[in-house]
């Protein structure tokens, strides 16, 4: 599978497993001279590898790139060991963090991977001005950045691990929600 095919594949998985709706979230991966990123308004159900946008690390993201491309760019600039970023709107994670505070998994696997995750505030009015730094700072300390009321960013050495972080976090959030129902 080519790099573009891998990114399209993992972006589709986010949709197929309920972490995004048809046109939300985004993904990227480092390539030799920059990074590939999903286009703005991409449909996860129908995305093709040739629809991905190539951007450089030191210039304004290419026209048509995801609105979040500058966030991905900042992560790659500041965290040199990260080669993949996935962003999803994990419903249980978002719901359980709306009221404030950090997120602490109650299940064994969640505690093993995440312990106590800091949740960062979403500044919607200045999103592209302040959130790239907030998200990158959070990812420097933990494998996922939870943005209250918005979603989760995972940055890892590869797409598979970034996908694992998003999926494992959402599984822990579901378990925590179910535990509250008892």
N, C-alpha and C. Protein backbone atom coordinates (compact mmCIF):
# COMPACT_ATOMS: atom_id res chain seq x y z
N UNK A 1 0.85 -1.18 0.00
CA UNK A 1 0.00 0.00 0.00
C UNK A 1 0.90 1.25 0.00
N UNK A 2 0.59 2.20 -0.86
CA UNK A 2 1.37 3.44 -0.91
C UNK A 2 1.08 4.29 0.32
N UNK A 3 1.90 5.32 0.54
CA UNK A 3 1.67 6.22 1.68
C UNK A 3 0.29 6.87 1.59
N UNK A 4 -0.07 7.32 0.40
CA UNK A 4 -1.37 7.96 0.21
C UNK A 4 -2.50 6.97 0.50
N UNK A 5 -2.35 5.74 0.03
CA UNK A 5 -3.38 4.72 0.29
C UNK A 5 -3.50 4.41 1.78
N UNK A 6 -2.37 4.39 2.48
CA UNK A 6 -2.40 4.16 3.93
C UNK A 6 -3.18 5.26 4.65
N UNK A 7 -2.90 6.51 4.31
CA UNK A 7 -3.59 7.62 4.97
C UNK A 7 -5.08 7.58 4.68
N UNK A 8 -5.47 7.35 3.44
CA UNK A 8 -6.89 7.25 3.09
C UNK A 8 -7.54 6.09 3.85
N UNK A 9 -6.84 4.97 3.96
CA UNK A 9 -7.35 3.79 4.67
C UNK A 9 -7.63 4.11 6.14
N UNK A 10 -6.69 4.70 6.83
CA UNK A 10 -6.88 5.00 8.26
C UNK A 10 -7.93 6.09 8.48
N UNK A 11 -8.01 7.04 7.57
CA UNK A 11 -9.05 8.06 7.67
C UNK A 11 -10.43 7.42 7.52
N UNK A 12 -10.56 6.47 6.59
CA UNK A 12 -11.83 5.75 6.44
C UNK A 12 -12.16 4.94 7.69
N UNK A 13 -11.15 4.33 8.31
CA UNK A 13 -11.40 3.55 9.53
C UNK A 13 -12.00 4.40 10.64
N UNK A 14 -11.57 5.64 10.75
CA UNK A 14 -12.13 6.53 11.78
C UNK A 14 -13.64 6.66 11.60
N UNK A 15 -14.07 6.77 10.37
CA UNK A 15 -15.50 6.88 10.06
C UNK A 15 -16.20 5.54 10.30
N UNK A 16 -15.62 4.46 9.80
CA UNK A 16 -16.26 3.15 9.90
C UNK A 16 -16.47 2.70 11.34
N UNK A 17 -15.64 3.18 12.24
CA UNK A 17 -15.74 2.76 13.64
C UNK A 17 -16.36 3.83 14.53
N UNK A 18 -17.04 4.79 13.92
CA UNK A 18 -17.84 5.75 14.67
C UNK A 18 -17.07 6.85 15.37
N UNK A 19 -15.83 7.07 14.99
CA UNK A 19 -15.05 8.13 15.62
C UNK A 19 -15.24 9.47 14.91
N UNK A 20 -15.76 9.45 13.70
CA UNK A 20 -16.07 10.67 12.93
C UNK A 20 -17.38 10.48 12.19
N UNK A 21 -18.00 11.61 11.82
CA UNK A 21 -19.12 11.51 10.90
C UNK A 21 -18.55 11.50 9.48
N UNK A 22 -19.39 11.58 8.48
CA UNK A 22 -18.93 11.40 7.10
C UNK A 22 -17.88 12.42 6.66
N UNK A 23 -17.97 13.65 7.15
CA UNK A 23 -17.09 14.71 6.66
C UNK A 23 -16.32 15.41 7.79
N UNK A 24 -15.99 14.71 8.84
CA UNK A 24 -15.27 15.36 9.94
C UNK A 24 -13.93 14.70 10.19
N UNK A 25 -13.16 15.32 11.05
CA UNK A 25 -11.84 14.82 11.37
C UNK A 25 -10.88 15.02 10.21
N UNK A 26 -9.65 14.57 10.42
CA UNK A 26 -8.64 14.69 9.37
C UNK A 26 -7.45 13.82 9.75
N UNK A 27 -6.53 13.70 8.83
CA UNK A 27 -5.34 12.90 9.09
C UNK A 27 -4.19 13.38 8.24
N UNK A 28 -2.99 13.03 8.68
CA UNK A 28 -1.79 13.38 7.92
C UNK A 28 -0.68 12.40 8.22
N UNK A 29 0.32 12.43 7.36
CA UNK A 29 1.54 11.65 7.61
C UNK A 29 2.72 12.36 6.96
N UNK A 30 3.86 12.24 7.63
CA UNK A 30 5.08 12.83 7.09
C UNK A 30 5.51 12.09 5.85
N UNK A 31 6.04 12.85 4.92
CA UNK A 31 6.69 12.28 3.75
C UNK A 31 8.04 12.98 3.62
N UNK A 32 8.81 12.59 2.64
CA UNK A 32 10.19 13.06 2.51
C UNK A 32 10.34 14.57 2.68
N UNK A 33 9.60 15.36 1.95
CA UNK A 33 9.79 16.81 1.96
C UNK A 33 8.64 17.57 2.62
N UNK A 34 7.85 16.92 3.42
CA UNK A 34 6.72 17.60 4.05
C UNK A 34 5.75 16.62 4.65
N UNK A 35 4.48 16.78 4.31
CA UNK A 35 3.45 15.88 4.84
C UNK A 35 2.25 15.84 3.90
N UNK A 36 1.56 14.72 3.94
CA UNK A 36 0.29 14.56 3.24
C UNK A 36 -0.82 14.81 4.24
N UNK A 37 -1.90 15.46 3.81
CA UNK A 37 -3.02 15.73 4.71
C UNK A 37 -4.32 15.58 3.93
N UNK A 38 -5.38 15.24 4.63
CA UNK A 38 -6.68 15.17 3.98
C UNK A 38 -7.10 16.56 3.54
N UNK A 39 -7.91 16.61 2.52
CA UNK A 39 -8.38 17.91 2.01
C UNK A 39 -9.50 18.43 2.89
N UNK A 40 -9.74 19.71 2.82
CA UNK A 40 -10.85 20.30 3.57
C UNK A 40 -12.16 19.74 3.01
N UNK A 41 -13.07 19.38 3.89
CA UNK A 41 -14.35 18.83 3.48
C UNK A 41 -14.30 17.42 2.95
N UNK A 42 -13.23 16.68 3.23
CA UNK A 42 -13.09 15.32 2.73
C UNK A 42 -14.21 14.43 3.27
N UNK A 43 -14.72 13.56 2.41
CA UNK A 43 -15.71 12.57 2.83
C UNK A 43 -14.98 11.26 3.12
N UNK A 44 -15.01 10.83 4.35
CA UNK A 44 -14.28 9.63 4.75
C UNK A 44 -14.83 8.38 4.07
N UNK A 45 -16.10 8.39 3.71
CA UNK A 45 -16.69 7.21 3.07
C UNK A 45 -16.18 7.00 1.64
N UNK A 46 -15.80 8.08 0.98
CA UNK A 46 -15.45 7.97 -0.44
C UNK A 46 -14.05 8.47 -0.78
N UNK A 47 -13.28 8.88 0.21
CA UNK A 47 -11.96 9.47 -0.08
C UNK A 47 -11.08 8.51 -0.87
N UNK A 48 -10.37 9.06 -1.82
CA UNK A 48 -9.41 8.32 -2.63
C UNK A 48 -8.02 8.88 -2.36
N UNK A 49 -7.02 8.05 -2.53
CA UNK A 49 -5.64 8.46 -2.26
C UNK A 49 -5.23 9.70 -3.06
N UNK A 50 -5.73 9.83 -4.28
CA UNK A 50 -5.33 10.97 -5.11
C UNK A 50 -5.96 12.29 -4.66
N UNK A 51 -6.84 12.26 -3.67
CA UNK A 51 -7.46 13.48 -3.15
C UNK A 51 -6.64 14.12 -2.02
N UNK A 52 -5.63 13.43 -1.54
CA UNK A 52 -4.82 13.96 -0.44
C UNK A 52 -3.96 15.11 -0.94
N UNK A 53 -3.66 16.02 -0.03
CA UNK A 53 -2.93 17.24 -0.37
C UNK A 53 -1.51 17.15 0.20
N UNK A 54 -0.53 17.49 -0.62
CA UNK A 54 0.86 17.52 -0.16
C UNK A 54 1.22 18.93 0.28
N UNK A 55 1.78 19.04 1.49
CA UNK A 55 2.19 20.33 2.05
C UNK A 55 3.66 20.26 2.46
N UNK A 56 4.30 21.42 2.54
CA UNK A 56 5.68 21.48 3.04
C UNK A 56 5.65 21.88 4.51
N UNK A 57 6.74 21.63 5.20
CA UNK A 57 6.79 21.91 6.63
C UNK A 57 6.99 23.38 6.97
N UNK A 58 7.56 24.15 6.06
CA UNK A 58 7.94 25.52 6.41
C UNK A 58 7.23 26.60 5.61
N UNK A 59 6.12 26.24 4.98
CA UNK A 59 5.33 27.22 4.24
C UNK A 59 3.87 27.08 4.62
N UNK A 60 3.09 28.09 4.33
CA UNK A 60 1.65 28.03 4.57
C UNK A 60 1.09 26.78 3.91
N UNK A 61 0.21 26.04 4.60
CA UNK A 61 -0.35 24.82 3.99
C UNK A 61 -0.96 25.10 2.61
N UNK A 62 -0.85 24.12 1.75
CA UNK A 62 -1.34 24.20 0.38
C UNK A 62 -2.84 24.45 0.35
N UNK A 63 -3.28 25.25 -0.62
CA UNK A 63 -4.71 25.53 -0.79
C UNK A 63 -5.47 24.22 -0.92
N UNK A 64 -6.61 24.14 -0.25
CA UNK A 64 -7.44 22.95 -0.29
C UNK A 64 -7.16 21.96 0.82
N UNK A 65 -6.04 22.17 1.54
CA UNK A 65 -5.71 21.28 2.66
C UNK A 65 -6.71 21.48 3.79
N UNK A 66 -6.84 20.48 4.62
CA UNK A 66 -7.72 20.55 5.78
C UNK A 66 -7.52 21.85 6.56
N UNK A 67 -8.59 22.36 7.13
CA UNK A 67 -8.50 23.54 7.98
C UNK A 67 -7.46 23.33 9.08
N UNK A 68 -7.33 22.10 9.56
CA UNK A 68 -6.39 21.77 10.63
C UNK A 68 -4.96 21.53 10.14
N UNK A 69 -4.68 21.73 8.87
CA UNK A 69 -3.33 21.45 8.35
C UNK A 69 -2.25 22.19 9.13
N UNK A 70 -2.54 23.40 9.58
CA UNK A 70 -1.53 24.15 10.35
C UNK A 70 -1.27 23.50 11.71
N UNK A 71 -2.25 22.80 12.25
CA UNK A 71 -2.04 22.06 13.51
C UNK A 71 -1.11 20.89 13.25
N UNK A 72 -1.38 20.14 12.19
CA UNK A 72 -0.52 19.01 11.83
C UNK A 72 0.91 19.50 11.56
N UNK A 73 1.02 20.61 10.84
CA UNK A 73 2.33 21.19 10.52
C UNK A 73 3.09 21.53 11.80
N UNK A 74 2.43 22.15 12.74
CA UNK A 74 3.08 22.54 14.01
C UNK A 74 3.56 21.30 14.76
N UNK A 75 2.74 20.27 14.79
CA UNK A 75 3.13 19.02 15.46
C UNK A 75 4.40 18.47 14.83
N UNK A 76 4.46 18.40 13.51
CA UNK A 76 5.65 17.88 12.83
C UNK A 76 6.87 18.77 13.04
N UNK A 77 6.68 20.06 13.10
CA UNK A 77 7.80 20.98 13.32
C UNK A 77 8.36 20.83 14.73
N UNK A 78 7.51 20.66 15.71
CA UNK A 78 7.93 20.65 17.12
C UNK A 78 8.24 19.25 17.66
N UNK A 79 7.59 18.24 17.13
CA UNK A 79 7.75 16.88 17.64
C UNK A 79 8.31 15.99 16.53
N UNK A 80 9.61 16.06 16.35
CA UNK A 80 10.27 15.41 15.22
C UNK A 80 10.13 13.91 15.15
N UNK A 81 9.79 13.26 16.27
CA UNK A 81 9.64 11.81 16.26
C UNK A 81 8.24 11.35 15.86
N UNK A 82 7.33 12.28 15.60
CA UNK A 82 5.96 11.93 15.21
C UNK A 82 5.86 11.99 13.69
N UNK A 83 5.34 10.93 13.13
CA UNK A 83 5.24 10.84 11.67
C UNK A 83 3.81 10.66 11.18
N UNK A 84 2.85 10.66 12.10
CA UNK A 84 1.44 10.51 11.72
C UNK A 84 0.57 11.23 12.74
N UNK A 85 -0.47 11.89 12.25
CA UNK A 85 -1.44 12.57 13.11
C UNK A 85 -2.84 12.22 12.60
N UNK A 86 -3.69 11.80 13.52
CA UNK A 86 -5.10 11.57 13.20
C UNK A 86 -5.94 12.39 14.16
N UNK A 87 -7.00 12.98 13.63
CA UNK A 87 -7.93 13.78 14.45
C UNK A 87 -9.33 13.23 14.27
N UNK A 88 -9.98 12.94 15.40
CA UNK A 88 -11.34 12.39 15.38
C UNK A 88 -12.21 13.10 16.39
N UNK A 89 -13.50 12.91 16.24
CA UNK A 89 -14.49 13.51 17.14
C UNK A 89 -15.11 12.42 18.01
N UNK A 90 -14.26 11.70 18.73
CA UNK A 90 -14.67 10.58 19.59
C UNK A 90 -15.88 10.96 20.45
N UNK A 91 -17.07 10.42 20.19
CA UNK A 91 -18.27 10.88 20.89
C UNK A 91 -18.28 10.65 22.40
N UNK A 92 -17.85 9.49 22.85
CA UNK A 92 -17.87 9.24 24.30
C UNK A 92 -16.81 10.07 25.01
N UNK A 93 -15.65 10.20 24.40
CA UNK A 93 -14.60 11.02 24.99
C UNK A 93 -15.05 12.47 25.11
N UNK A 94 -15.65 12.99 24.05
CA UNK A 94 -16.14 14.38 24.09
C UNK A 94 -17.20 14.53 25.18
N UNK A 95 -18.16 13.62 25.20
CA UNK A 95 -19.26 13.73 26.17
C UNK A 95 -18.76 13.68 27.61
N UNK A 96 -17.81 12.80 27.89
CA UNK A 96 -17.33 12.64 29.26
C UNK A 96 -16.40 13.76 29.71
N UNK A 97 -15.96 14.60 28.79
CA UNK A 97 -15.05 15.69 29.18
C UNK A 97 -15.69 17.06 29.05
N UNK A 98 -16.97 17.12 28.73
CA UNK A 98 -17.64 18.41 28.55
C UNK A 98 -17.71 19.25 29.82
N UNK A 99 -17.85 18.60 30.96
CA UNK A 99 -18.09 19.33 32.21
C UNK A 99 -16.82 19.84 32.89
N UNK A 100 -15.68 19.56 32.32
CA UNK A 100 -14.44 20.04 32.91
C UNK A 100 -13.62 18.92 33.51
N UNK A 101 -12.40 19.25 33.89
CA UNK A 101 -11.51 18.28 34.51
C UNK A 101 -10.77 17.44 33.49
N UNK A 102 -9.90 16.60 34.00
CA UNK A 102 -9.12 15.69 33.17
C UNK A 102 -9.91 14.42 32.90
N UNK A 103 -9.36 13.55 32.07
CA UNK A 103 -9.99 12.26 31.80
C UNK A 103 -9.13 11.16 32.38
N UNK A 104 -9.70 10.39 33.29
CA UNK A 104 -9.00 9.25 33.90
C UNK A 104 -9.75 7.97 33.58
N UNK A 105 -9.17 7.09 32.78
CA UNK A 105 -9.83 5.83 32.46
C UNK A 105 -10.06 4.98 33.72
N UNK A 106 -11.11 4.17 33.69
CA UNK A 106 -11.40 3.27 34.81
C UNK A 106 -11.03 1.83 34.48
N UNK A 107 -10.78 1.54 33.21
CA UNK A 107 -10.44 0.17 32.80
C UNK A 107 -8.93 -0.05 32.82
N UNK A 108 -8.55 -1.32 32.92
CA UNK A 108 -7.13 -1.67 33.02
C UNK A 108 -6.32 -1.15 31.83
N UNK A 109 -6.79 -1.44 30.61
CA UNK A 109 -6.02 -1.03 29.43
C UNK A 109 -5.89 0.48 29.35
N UNK A 110 -6.97 1.19 29.62
CA UNK A 110 -6.93 2.64 29.59
C UNK A 110 -5.96 3.21 30.60
N UNK A 111 -5.95 2.64 31.80
CA UNK A 111 -5.02 3.09 32.83
C UNK A 111 -3.58 2.76 32.43
N UNK A 112 -3.41 1.62 31.79
CA UNK A 112 -2.07 1.22 31.36
C UNK A 112 -1.51 2.18 30.30
N UNK A 113 -2.35 2.57 29.36
CA UNK A 113 -1.90 3.43 28.27
C UNK A 113 -1.91 4.91 28.61
N UNK A 114 -2.92 5.35 29.36
CA UNK A 114 -3.16 6.78 29.46
C UNK A 114 -3.07 7.38 30.85
N UNK A 115 -3.38 6.64 31.88
CA UNK A 115 -3.40 7.20 33.22
C UNK A 115 -4.38 8.37 33.28
N UNK A 116 -3.91 9.54 33.66
CA UNK A 116 -4.75 10.73 33.81
C UNK A 116 -4.43 11.70 32.68
N UNK A 117 -5.38 11.89 31.76
CA UNK A 117 -5.14 12.74 30.59
C UNK A 117 -5.64 14.15 30.82
N UNK A 118 -4.78 15.11 30.58
CA UNK A 118 -5.19 16.51 30.66
C UNK A 118 -6.08 16.84 29.46
N UNK A 119 -7.14 17.58 29.72
CA UNK A 119 -8.04 18.03 28.66
C UNK A 119 -7.79 19.52 28.46
N UNK A 120 -7.59 19.94 27.22
CA UNK A 120 -7.32 21.35 26.95
C UNK A 120 -8.59 22.05 26.47
N UNK A 121 -8.66 23.33 26.77
CA UNK A 121 -9.83 24.12 26.41
C UNK A 121 -9.79 24.50 24.93
N UNK A 122 -10.95 24.47 24.31
CA UNK A 122 -11.09 24.85 22.91
C UNK A 122 -11.38 26.35 22.83
N UNK A 123 -10.54 27.08 22.15
CA UNK A 123 -10.76 28.50 21.93
C UNK A 123 -11.26 28.67 20.50
N UNK A 124 -12.58 28.55 20.33
CA UNK A 124 -13.17 28.54 18.99
C UNK A 124 -12.96 29.85 18.24
N UNK A 125 -12.94 30.96 18.95
CA UNK A 125 -12.81 32.26 18.29
C UNK A 125 -11.41 32.49 17.72
N UNK A 126 -10.42 31.87 18.32
CA UNK A 126 -9.03 32.03 17.87
C UNK A 126 -8.42 30.67 17.56
N UNK A 127 -9.23 29.77 17.04
CA UNK A 127 -8.82 28.37 16.91
C UNK A 127 -7.47 28.20 16.22
N UNK A 128 -7.32 28.74 15.05
CA UNK A 128 -6.08 28.52 14.30
C UNK A 128 -4.92 29.35 14.81
N UNK A 129 -5.19 30.33 15.66
CA UNK A 129 -4.12 31.13 16.25
C UNK A 129 -3.53 30.49 17.50
N UNK A 130 -4.37 29.89 18.33
CA UNK A 130 -3.88 29.37 19.61
C UNK A 130 -3.87 27.85 19.73
N UNK A 131 -4.75 27.17 19.00
CA UNK A 131 -4.86 25.73 19.19
C UNK A 131 -3.67 24.92 18.67
N UNK A 132 -2.99 25.31 17.58
CA UNK A 132 -1.83 24.52 17.18
C UNK A 132 -0.80 24.38 18.31
N UNK A 133 -0.55 25.46 19.03
CA UNK A 133 0.42 25.40 20.13
C UNK A 133 -0.13 24.58 21.30
N UNK A 134 -1.38 24.80 21.67
CA UNK A 134 -1.96 24.05 22.79
C UNK A 134 -1.97 22.55 22.52
N UNK A 135 -2.37 22.18 21.31
CA UNK A 135 -2.44 20.76 20.96
C UNK A 135 -1.05 20.15 20.92
N UNK A 136 -0.09 20.83 20.31
CA UNK A 136 1.28 20.32 20.24
C UNK A 136 1.88 20.19 21.63
N UNK A 137 1.67 21.17 22.50
CA UNK A 137 2.18 21.09 23.87
C UNK A 137 1.60 19.89 24.60
N UNK A 138 0.31 19.64 24.40
CA UNK A 138 -0.33 18.49 25.03
C UNK A 138 0.25 17.18 24.50
N UNK A 139 0.45 17.10 23.19
CA UNK A 139 1.00 15.88 22.58
C UNK A 139 2.46 15.64 22.94
N UNK A 140 3.16 16.65 23.37
CA UNK A 140 4.54 16.46 23.83
C UNK A 140 4.57 15.70 25.15
N UNK A 141 3.44 15.71 25.88
CA UNK A 141 3.38 15.09 27.21
C UNK A 141 2.56 13.81 27.26
N UNK A 142 1.68 13.61 26.30
CA UNK A 142 0.79 12.45 26.31
C UNK A 142 0.47 12.06 24.86
N UNK A 143 0.07 10.79 24.62
CA UNK A 143 -0.12 10.34 23.24
C UNK A 143 -1.32 10.94 22.52
N UNK A 144 -2.26 11.50 23.28
CA UNK A 144 -3.44 12.13 22.68
C UNK A 144 -3.64 13.51 23.29
N UNK A 145 -4.22 14.40 22.49
CA UNK A 145 -4.61 15.72 22.99
C UNK A 145 -6.13 15.78 22.90
N UNK A 146 -6.78 15.85 24.06
CA UNK A 146 -8.24 15.95 24.10
C UNK A 146 -8.59 17.42 24.16
N UNK A 147 -9.37 17.87 23.18
CA UNK A 147 -9.81 19.26 23.13
C UNK A 147 -11.28 19.29 23.54
N UNK A 148 -11.53 19.89 24.70
CA UNK A 148 -12.89 19.90 25.25
C UNK A 148 -13.91 20.39 24.22
N UNK A 149 -14.98 19.68 24.09
CA UNK A 149 -16.13 19.96 23.22
C UNK A 149 -15.82 19.81 21.73
N UNK A 150 -14.61 19.40 21.39
CA UNK A 150 -14.25 19.32 19.98
C UNK A 150 -13.83 17.92 19.53
N UNK A 151 -12.79 17.37 20.14
CA UNK A 151 -12.32 16.07 19.68
C UNK A 151 -10.95 15.73 20.21
N UNK A 152 -10.30 14.79 19.54
CA UNK A 152 -9.04 14.23 20.00
C UNK A 152 -8.04 14.20 18.83
N UNK A 153 -6.80 14.57 19.13
CA UNK A 153 -5.70 14.45 18.18
C UNK A 153 -4.75 13.39 18.73
N UNK A 154 -4.30 12.49 17.87
CA UNK A 154 -3.29 11.50 18.25
C UNK A 154 -2.11 11.67 17.31
N UNK A 155 -0.92 11.71 17.88
CA UNK A 155 0.31 11.81 17.09
C UNK A 155 1.22 10.65 17.49
N UNK A 156 1.76 9.97 16.50
CA UNK A 156 2.57 8.79 16.79
C UNK A 156 3.63 8.60 15.71
N UNK A 157 4.39 7.52 15.87
CA UNK A 157 5.44 7.20 14.90
C UNK A 157 4.86 6.74 13.57
N UNK A 158 3.63 6.21 13.59
CA UNK A 158 2.99 5.75 12.37
C UNK A 158 1.48 5.83 12.51
N UNK A 159 0.78 5.67 11.40
CA UNK A 159 -0.68 5.79 11.39
C UNK A 159 -1.35 4.72 12.24
N UNK A 160 -0.81 3.51 12.23
CA UNK A 160 -1.42 2.43 13.00
C UNK A 160 -1.43 2.76 14.49
N UNK A 161 -0.33 3.29 15.00
CA UNK A 161 -0.28 3.63 16.42
C UNK A 161 -1.17 4.83 16.74
N UNK A 162 -1.22 5.82 15.88
CA UNK A 162 -2.13 6.95 16.10
C UNK A 162 -3.57 6.46 16.14
N UNK A 163 -3.91 5.55 15.23
CA UNK A 163 -5.26 4.97 15.21
C UNK A 163 -5.53 4.20 16.50
N UNK A 164 -4.55 3.45 16.95
CA UNK A 164 -4.70 2.70 18.21
C UNK A 164 -5.00 3.64 19.36
N UNK A 165 -4.26 4.76 19.46
CA UNK A 165 -4.49 5.69 20.57
C UNK A 165 -5.91 6.23 20.54
N UNK A 166 -6.40 6.61 19.36
CA UNK A 166 -7.77 7.13 19.27
C UNK A 166 -8.79 6.05 19.63
N UNK A 167 -8.59 4.85 19.11
CA UNK A 167 -9.52 3.75 19.38
C UNK A 167 -9.50 3.32 20.84
N UNK A 168 -8.32 3.19 21.40
CA UNK A 168 -8.20 2.77 22.81
C UNK A 168 -8.81 3.80 23.74
N UNK A 169 -8.57 5.08 23.45
CA UNK A 169 -9.16 6.13 24.28
C UNK A 169 -10.68 6.06 24.23
N UNK A 170 -11.24 5.91 23.03
CA UNK A 170 -12.70 5.87 22.91
C UNK A 170 -13.27 4.63 23.60
N UNK A 171 -12.58 3.50 23.52
CA UNK A 171 -13.03 2.30 24.23
C UNK A 171 -13.05 2.55 25.73
N UNK A 172 -12.03 3.20 26.25
CA UNK A 172 -11.99 3.53 27.69
C UNK A 172 -13.12 4.48 28.06
N UNK A 173 -13.41 5.43 27.19
CA UNK A 173 -14.51 6.37 27.46
C UNK A 173 -15.85 5.64 27.47
N UNK A 174 -16.05 4.70 26.56
CA UNK A 174 -17.29 3.91 26.54
C UNK A 174 -17.43 3.11 27.83
N UNK A 175 -16.35 2.47 28.24
CA UNK A 175 -16.38 1.67 29.48
C UNK A 175 -16.69 2.56 30.67
N UNK A 176 -16.08 3.73 30.72
CA UNK A 176 -16.34 4.65 31.83
C UNK A 176 -17.80 5.09 31.83
N UNK A 177 -18.34 5.40 30.66
CA UNK A 177 -19.74 5.80 30.55
C UNK A 177 -20.65 4.65 31.01
N UNK A 178 -20.36 3.43 30.55
CA UNK A 178 -21.17 2.27 30.96
C UNK A 178 -21.09 2.05 32.47
N UNK A 179 -19.91 2.21 33.03
CA UNK A 179 -19.75 2.03 34.49
C UNK A 179 -20.60 3.03 35.26
N UNK A 180 -20.78 4.22 34.73
CA UNK A 180 -21.62 5.23 35.39
C UNK A 180 -23.10 4.89 35.33
N UNK A 181 -23.47 3.97 34.43
CA UNK A 181 -24.88 3.59 34.29
C UNK A 181 -25.30 2.55 35.32
N UNK A 182 -24.35 1.91 35.95
CA UNK A 182 -24.63 0.83 36.91
C UNK A 182 -25.07 1.41 38.25
